[in-house]
Amino acid sequence: MASSSAPLSTSAETTRSEHLRHETTILMVGMLYYVAAGMMMAAAVASLVLKNGTEAAVRFASLMGLLAAGYGFAGYLLRRLDARARYAASMMAVLGMLAVPIGTVFNAYVLWLVHNKKGRTVLSPEYRQVIAETPQIQCRVINSVLALGIVMVGIAIYRILEMFLR
C-alpha cells in the first residue's frame, strides 16, 4: 500500500493552475481600465475648469465621460471575470487602438487576451465555478503587467498635462 504525502489534484485545481496566469492578467487589465476611467473623468473635469465651460470643453468633457463610463464598465466586468467582459473589453480595446502607438499595442494585447482559448475559458461561467471550488489558489500580480500599467498611466498623465499647459 503506497501512501503519498501530497494530495491528488482535482480537476478544478488543475484547470485553475493552468489558467491562473491568464486570470491574473485579465484582472490586472480590469484594474487598468478602472485607472483609465478615473483619468478620463479627471481630464473631463479639468477641461471644464480650465476652459471655463466653453463649448469645446463641454464636448471634450462629454466624450471623456462616455469613454470613462465604457472603460469603467469593462473594467468592472473584467474584474468579476464575467463572460460579458469579452464584448465590453473588445469595444473599448478597439477604441483604445486609436491611441497610437502605445494604445495600439496594449489594446491589441487586450483583444488577444480576452479572445484566445484561455481567455474564453477564464471568462466563462464554468471557470467561475472552478474559482469557487479552489479558494486556496490565489492570484498574484504579474510584474510585467503592473509595469506596463504604470508606464501607460505615466504617459497618459503626461499627455493630459501637456494638453492643458499649452
C-alpha atoms as a PDB file:
ATOM      1  CA  MET A   1       0.000   0.000   0.000  1.00  0.00           C
ATOM      2  CA  ALA A   2       1.699   3.142  -1.195  1.00  0.00           C
ATOM      3  CA  SER A   3       0.990   6.402   0.534  1.00  0.00           C
ATOM      4  CA  SER A   4       1.519   9.821  -0.886  1.00  0.00           C
ATOM      5  CA  SER A   5       2.288  12.885   1.182  1.00  0.00           C
ATOM      6  CA  ALA A   6       0.871  15.268  -1.428  1.00  0.00           C
ATOM      7  CA  PRO A   7      -2.883  15.237  -2.064  1.00  0.00           C
ATOM      8  CA  LEU A   8      -4.037  14.373  -5.543  1.00  0.00           C
ATOM      9  CA  SER A   9      -5.012  17.364  -7.676  1.00  0.00           C
ATOM     10  CA  THR A  10      -8.636  17.707  -8.516  1.00  0.00           C
ATOM     11  CA  SER A  11      -9.796  18.654 -11.966  1.00  0.00           C
ATOM     12  CA  ALA A  12     -10.718  22.134 -10.702  1.00  0.00           C
ATOM     13  CA  GLU A  13      -7.261  22.645  -9.182  1.00  0.00           C
ATOM     14  CA  THR A  14      -5.593  21.552 -12.400  1.00  0.00           C
ATOM     15  CA  THR A  15      -7.760  23.838 -14.509  1.00  0.00           C
ATOM     16  CA  ARG A  16      -7.191  26.781 -12.179  1.00  0.00           C
ATOM     17  CA  SER A  17      -3.433  26.215 -12.070  1.00  0.00           C
ATOM     18  CA  GLU A  18      -3.258  26.062 -15.863  1.00  0.00           C
ATOM     19  CA  HIS A  19      -5.195  29.325 -16.246  1.00  0.00           C
ATOM     20  CA  LEU A  20      -4.027  31.274 -13.189  1.00  0.00           C
ATOM     21  CA  ARG A  21      -1.541  33.497 -15.010  1.00  0.00           C
ATOM     22  CA  HIS A  22      -4.125  34.381 -17.641  1.00  0.00           C
ATOM     23  CA  GLU A  23      -6.737  35.019 -14.952  1.00  0.00           C
ATOM     24  CA  THR A  24      -4.365  37.352 -13.110  1.00  0.00           C
ATOM     25  CA  THR A  25      -3.553  39.265 -16.283  1.00  0.00           C
ATOM     26  CA  ILE A  26      -7.245  39.769 -17.069  1.00  0.00           C
ATOM     27  CA  LEU A  27      -7.837  41.013 -13.522  1.00  0.00           C
ATOM     28  CA  MET A  28      -4.942  43.471 -13.905  1.00  0.00           C
ATOM     29  CA  VAL A  29      -6.344  44.766 -17.212  1.00  0.00           C
ATOM     30  CA  GLY A  30      -9.633  45.344 -15.402  1.00  0.00           C
ATOM     31  CA  MET A  31      -7.768  47.404 -12.819  1.00  0.00           C
ATOM     32  CA  LEU A  32      -6.015  49.377 -15.565  1.00  0.00           C
ATOM     33  CA  TYR A  33      -9.397  50.081 -17.140  1.00  0.00           C
ATOM     34  CA  TYR A  34     -10.558  51.479 -13.787  1.00  0.00           C
ATOM     35  CA  VAL A  35      -7.481  53.724 -13.699  1.00  0.00           C
ATOM     36  CA  ALA A  36      -8.121  54.841 -17.285  1.00  0.00           C
ATOM     37  CA  ALA A  37     -11.740  55.669 -16.438  1.00  0.00           C
ATOM     38  CA  GLY A  38     -10.644  57.747 -13.465  1.00  0.00           C
ATOM     39  CA  MET A  39      -8.086  59.610 -15.534  1.00  0.00           C
ATOM     40  CA  MET A  40     -10.643  60.340 -18.231  1.00  0.00           C
ATOM     41  CA  MET A  41     -13.037  61.754 -15.641  1.00  0.00           C
ATOM     42  CA  ALA A  42     -10.209  63.893 -14.253  1.00  0.00           C
ATOM     43  CA  ALA A  43      -9.472  65.154 -17.771  1.00  0.00           C
ATOM     44  CA  ALA A  44     -13.158  65.960 -18.284  1.00  0.00           C
ATOM     45  CA  VAL A  45     -13.348  67.977 -15.072  1.00  0.00           C
ATOM     46  CA  ALA A  46     -10.032  69.695 -15.780  1.00  0.00           C
ATOM     47  CA  SER A  47     -11.171  70.743 -19.248  1.00  0.00           C
ATOM     48  CA  LEU A  48     -14.360  72.273 -17.861  1.00  0.00           C
ATOM     49  CA  VAL A  49     -12.484  74.114 -15.125  1.00  0.00           C
ATOM     50  CA  LEU A  50      -9.523  75.308 -17.202  1.00  0.00           C
ATOM     51  CA  LYS A  51     -11.537  76.279 -20.265  1.00  0.00           C
ATOM     52  CA  ASN A  52     -14.363  77.933 -18.266  1.00  0.00           C
ATOM     53  CA  GLY A  53     -17.082  75.678 -19.694  1.00  0.00           C
ATOM     54  CA  THR A  54     -16.660  76.704 -23.339  1.00  0.00           C
ATOM     55  CA  GLU A  55     -18.497  74.715 -25.978  1.00  0.00           C
ATOM     56  CA  ALA A  56     -15.317  72.831 -26.937  1.00  0.00           C
ATOM     57  CA  ALA A  57     -14.659  71.981 -23.286  1.00  0.00           C
ATOM     58  CA  VAL A  58     -18.193  70.663 -22.851  1.00  0.00           C
ATOM     59  CA  ARG A  59     -17.860  68.469 -25.956  1.00  0.00           C
ATOM     60  CA  PHE A  60     -14.479  67.170 -24.740  1.00  0.00           C
ATOM     61  CA  ALA A  61     -15.841  66.537 -21.232  1.00  0.00           C
ATOM     62  CA  SER A  62     -18.851  64.695 -22.658  1.00  0.00           C
ATOM     63  CA  LEU A  63     -16.620  62.479 -24.787  1.00  0.00           C
ATOM     64  CA  MET A  64     -14.309  61.761 -21.850  1.00  0.00           C
ATOM     65  CA  GLY A  65     -17.319  60.993 -19.644  1.00  0.00           C
ATOM     66  CA  LEU A  66     -18.692  58.482 -22.146  1.00  0.00           C
ATOM     67  CA  LEU A  67     -15.305  56.823 -22.578  1.00  0.00           C
ATOM     68  CA  ALA A  68     -14.813  56.740 -18.804  1.00  0.00           C
ATOM     69  CA  ALA A  69     -18.175  55.016 -18.386  1.00  0.00           C
ATOM     70  CA  GLY A  70     -17.235  52.452 -21.040  1.00  0.00           C
ATOM     71  CA  TYR A  71     -13.816  51.731 -19.552  1.00  0.00           C
ATOM     72  CA  GLY A  72     -15.269  51.626 -16.042  1.00  0.00           C
ATOM     73  CA  PHE A  73     -17.960  49.138 -17.076  1.00  0.00           C
ATOM     74  CA  ALA A  74     -15.479  46.976 -18.997  1.00  0.00           C
ATOM     75  CA  GLY A  75     -13.120  47.067 -16.007  1.00  0.00           C
ATOM     76  CA  TYR A  76     -15.933  46.030 -13.679  1.00  0.00           C
ATOM     77  CA  LEU A  77     -16.816  43.051 -15.867  1.00  0.00           C
ATOM     78  CA  LEU A  78     -13.165  42.055 -16.275  1.00  0.00           C
ATOM     79  CA  ARG A  79     -12.579  42.216 -12.505  1.00  0.00           C
ATOM     80  CA  ARG A  80     -15.593  39.919 -11.986  1.00  0.00           C
ATOM     81  CA  LEU A  81     -14.412  37.595 -14.791  1.00  0.00           C
ATOM     82  CA  ASP A  82     -17.880  37.967 -16.282  1.00  0.00           C
ATOM     83  CA  ALA A  83     -18.438  36.392 -19.707  1.00  0.00           C
ATOM     84  CA  ARG A  84     -19.823  39.723 -20.987  1.00  0.00           C
ATOM     85  CA  ALA A  85     -16.409  41.269 -20.378  1.00  0.00           C
ATOM     86  CA  ARG A  86     -15.217  39.907 -23.716  1.00  0.00           C
ATOM     87  CA  TYR A  87     -17.656  42.159 -25.552  1.00  0.00           C
ATOM     88  CA  ALA A  88     -17.185  45.269 -23.408  1.00  0.00           C
ATOM     89  CA  ALA A  89     -13.389  44.944 -23.350  1.00  0.00           C
ATOM     90  CA  SER A  90     -13.355  44.356 -27.115  1.00  0.00           C
ATOM     91  CA  MET A  91     -15.320  47.540 -27.785  1.00  0.00           C
ATOM     92  CA  MET A  92     -13.078  49.598 -25.515  1.00  0.00           C
ATOM     93  CA  ALA A  93      -9.913  47.981 -26.882  1.00  0.00           C
ATOM     94  CA  VAL A  94     -10.887  48.790 -30.462  1.00  0.00           C
ATOM     95  CA  LEU A  95     -11.410  52.432 -29.450  1.00  0.00           C
ATOM     96  CA  GLY A  96      -8.166  52.369 -27.466  1.00  0.00           C
ATOM     97  CA  MET A  97      -6.233  51.192 -30.505  1.00  0.00           C
ATOM     98  CA  LEU A  98      -6.614  54.717 -31.895  1.00  0.00           C
ATOM     99  CA  ALA A  99      -4.120  55.932 -29.270  1.00  0.00           C
ATOM    100  CA  VAL A 100      -1.064  55.238 -31.420  1.00  0.00           C
ATOM    101  CA  PRO A 101       1.492  53.737 -30.657  1.00  0.00           C
ATOM    102  CA  ILE A 102       1.219  52.536 -27.029  1.00  0.00           C
ATOM    103  CA  GLY A 103      -2.567  52.262 -27.034  1.00  0.00           C
ATOM    104  CA  THR A 104      -2.488  50.235 -30.232  1.00  0.00           C
ATOM    105  CA  VAL A 105      -0.059  47.691 -28.832  1.00  0.00           C
ATOM    106  CA  PHE A 106      -1.701  47.428 -25.420  1.00  0.00           C
ATOM    107  CA  ASN A 107      -5.230  47.143 -26.785  1.00  0.00           C
ATOM    108  CA  ALA A 108      -4.218  44.570 -29.387  1.00  0.00           C
ATOM    109  CA  TYR A 109      -2.870  42.584 -26.421  1.00  0.00           C
ATOM    110  CA  VAL A 110      -6.199  43.036 -24.594  1.00  0.00           C
ATOM    111  CA  LEU A 111      -8.078  41.710 -27.636  1.00  0.00           C
ATOM    112  CA  TRP A 112      -5.783  38.691 -27.780  1.00  0.00           C
ATOM    113  CA  LEU A 113      -6.097  38.208 -24.028  1.00  0.00           C
ATOM    114  CA  VAL A 114      -9.894  38.010 -23.946  1.00  0.00           C
ATOM    115  CA  HIS A 115     -10.407  36.137 -27.224  1.00  0.00           C
ATOM    116  CA  ASN A 116      -7.775  33.399 -27.164  1.00  0.00           C
ATOM    117  CA  LYS A 117      -8.626  29.926 -25.847  1.00  0.00           C
ATOM    118  CA  LYS A 118      -7.507  30.619 -22.260  1.00  0.00           C
ATOM    119  CA  GLY A 119      -9.326  33.955 -22.257  1.00  0.00           C
ATOM    120  CA  ARG A 120     -12.573  32.318 -23.337  1.00  0.00           C
ATOM    121  CA  THR A 121     -12.117  29.745 -20.580  1.00  0.00           C
ATOM    122  CA  VAL A 122     -11.304  32.276 -17.849  1.00  0.00           C
ATOM    123  CA  LEU A 123     -14.262  34.458 -18.853  1.00  0.00           C
ATOM    124  CA  SER A 124     -16.759  31.604 -18.762  1.00  0.00           C
ATOM    125  CA  PRO A 125     -19.375  30.730 -16.125  1.00  0.00           C
ATOM    126  CA  GLU A 126     -17.753  27.299 -15.742  1.00  0.00           C
ATOM    127  CA  TYR A 127     -14.461  28.910 -14.712  1.00  0.00           C
ATOM    128  CA  ARG A 128     -16.218  30.962 -12.055  1.00  0.00           C
ATOM    129  CA  GLN A 129     -17.317  27.636 -10.590  1.00  0.00           C
ATOM    130  CA  VAL A 130     -13.691  26.449 -10.720  1.00  0.00           C
ATOM    131  CA  ILE A 131     -12.698  29.554  -8.739  1.00  0.00           C
ATOM    132  CA  ALA A 132     -15.384  28.827  -6.163  1.00  0.00           C
ATOM    133  CA  GLU A 133     -14.059  25.269  -5.776  1.00  0.00           C
ATOM    134  CA  THR A 134     -10.429  26.377  -5.363  1.00  0.00           C
ATOM    135  CA  PRO A 135     -10.334  29.222  -2.825  1.00  0.00           C
ATOM    136  CA  GLN A 136      -6.885  28.066  -1.669  1.00  0.00           C
ATOM    137  CA  ILE A 137      -5.371  29.123  -5.018  1.00  0.00           C
ATOM    138  CA  GLN A 138      -4.752  32.862  -5.160  1.00  0.00           C
ATOM    139  CA  CYS A 139      -3.779  35.215  -7.985  1.00  0.00           C
ATOM    140  CA  ARG A 140      -0.512  37.123  -7.857  1.00  0.00           C
ATOM    141  CA  VAL A 141       0.254  40.368  -9.636  1.00  0.00           C
ATOM    142  CA  ILE A 142       2.406  39.845 -12.694  1.00  0.00           C
ATOM    143  CA  ASN A 143       5.240  42.353 -12.589  1.00  0.00           C
ATOM    144  CA  SER A 144       5.316  42.889 -16.355  1.00  0.00           C
ATOM    145  CA  VAL A 145       1.610  43.772 -16.484  1.00  0.00           C
ATOM    146  CA  LEU A 146       1.974  46.075 -13.493  1.00  0.00           C
ATOM    147  CA  ALA A 147       4.999  47.774 -15.080  1.00  0.00           C
ATOM    148  CA  LEU A 148       3.142  48.214 -18.373  1.00  0.00           C
ATOM    149  CA  GLY A 149       0.225  49.739 -16.496  1.00  0.00           C
ATOM    150  CA  ILE A 150       2.453  52.176 -14.639  1.00  0.00           C
ATOM    151  CA  VAL A 151       4.129  53.239 -17.886  1.00  0.00           C
ATOM    152  CA  MET A 152       0.752  53.741 -19.578  1.00  0.00           C
ATOM    153  CA  VAL A 153      -0.616  55.769 -16.672  1.00  0.00           C
ATOM    154  CA  GLY A 154       2.527  57.904 -16.676  1.00  0.00           C
ATOM    155  CA  ILE A 155       2.255  58.567 -20.407  1.00  0.00           C
ATOM    156  CA  ALA A 156      -1.431  59.409 -20.092  1.00  0.00           C
ATOM    157  CA  ILE A 157      -0.832  61.827 -17.216  1.00  0.00           C
ATOM    158  CA  TYR A 158       1.970  63.478 -19.184  1.00  0.00           C
ATOM    159  CA  ARG A 159      -0.262  63.840 -22.257  1.00  0.00           C
ATOM    160  CA  ILE A 160      -3.122  65.324 -20.220  1.00  0.00           C
ATOM    161  CA  LEU A 161      -0.810  67.806 -18.512  1.00  0.00           C
ATOM    162  CA  GLU A 162       0.823  68.685 -21.824  1.00  0.00           C
ATOM    163  CA  MET A 163      -2.579  69.376 -23.365  1.00  0.00           C
ATOM    164  CA  PHE A 164      -3.616  71.767 -20.597  1.00  0.00           C
ATOM    165  CA  LEU A 165      -0.297  73.546 -20.148  1.00  0.00           C
ATOM    166  CA  ARG A 166      -0.177  74.753 -23.760  1.00  0.00           C
END
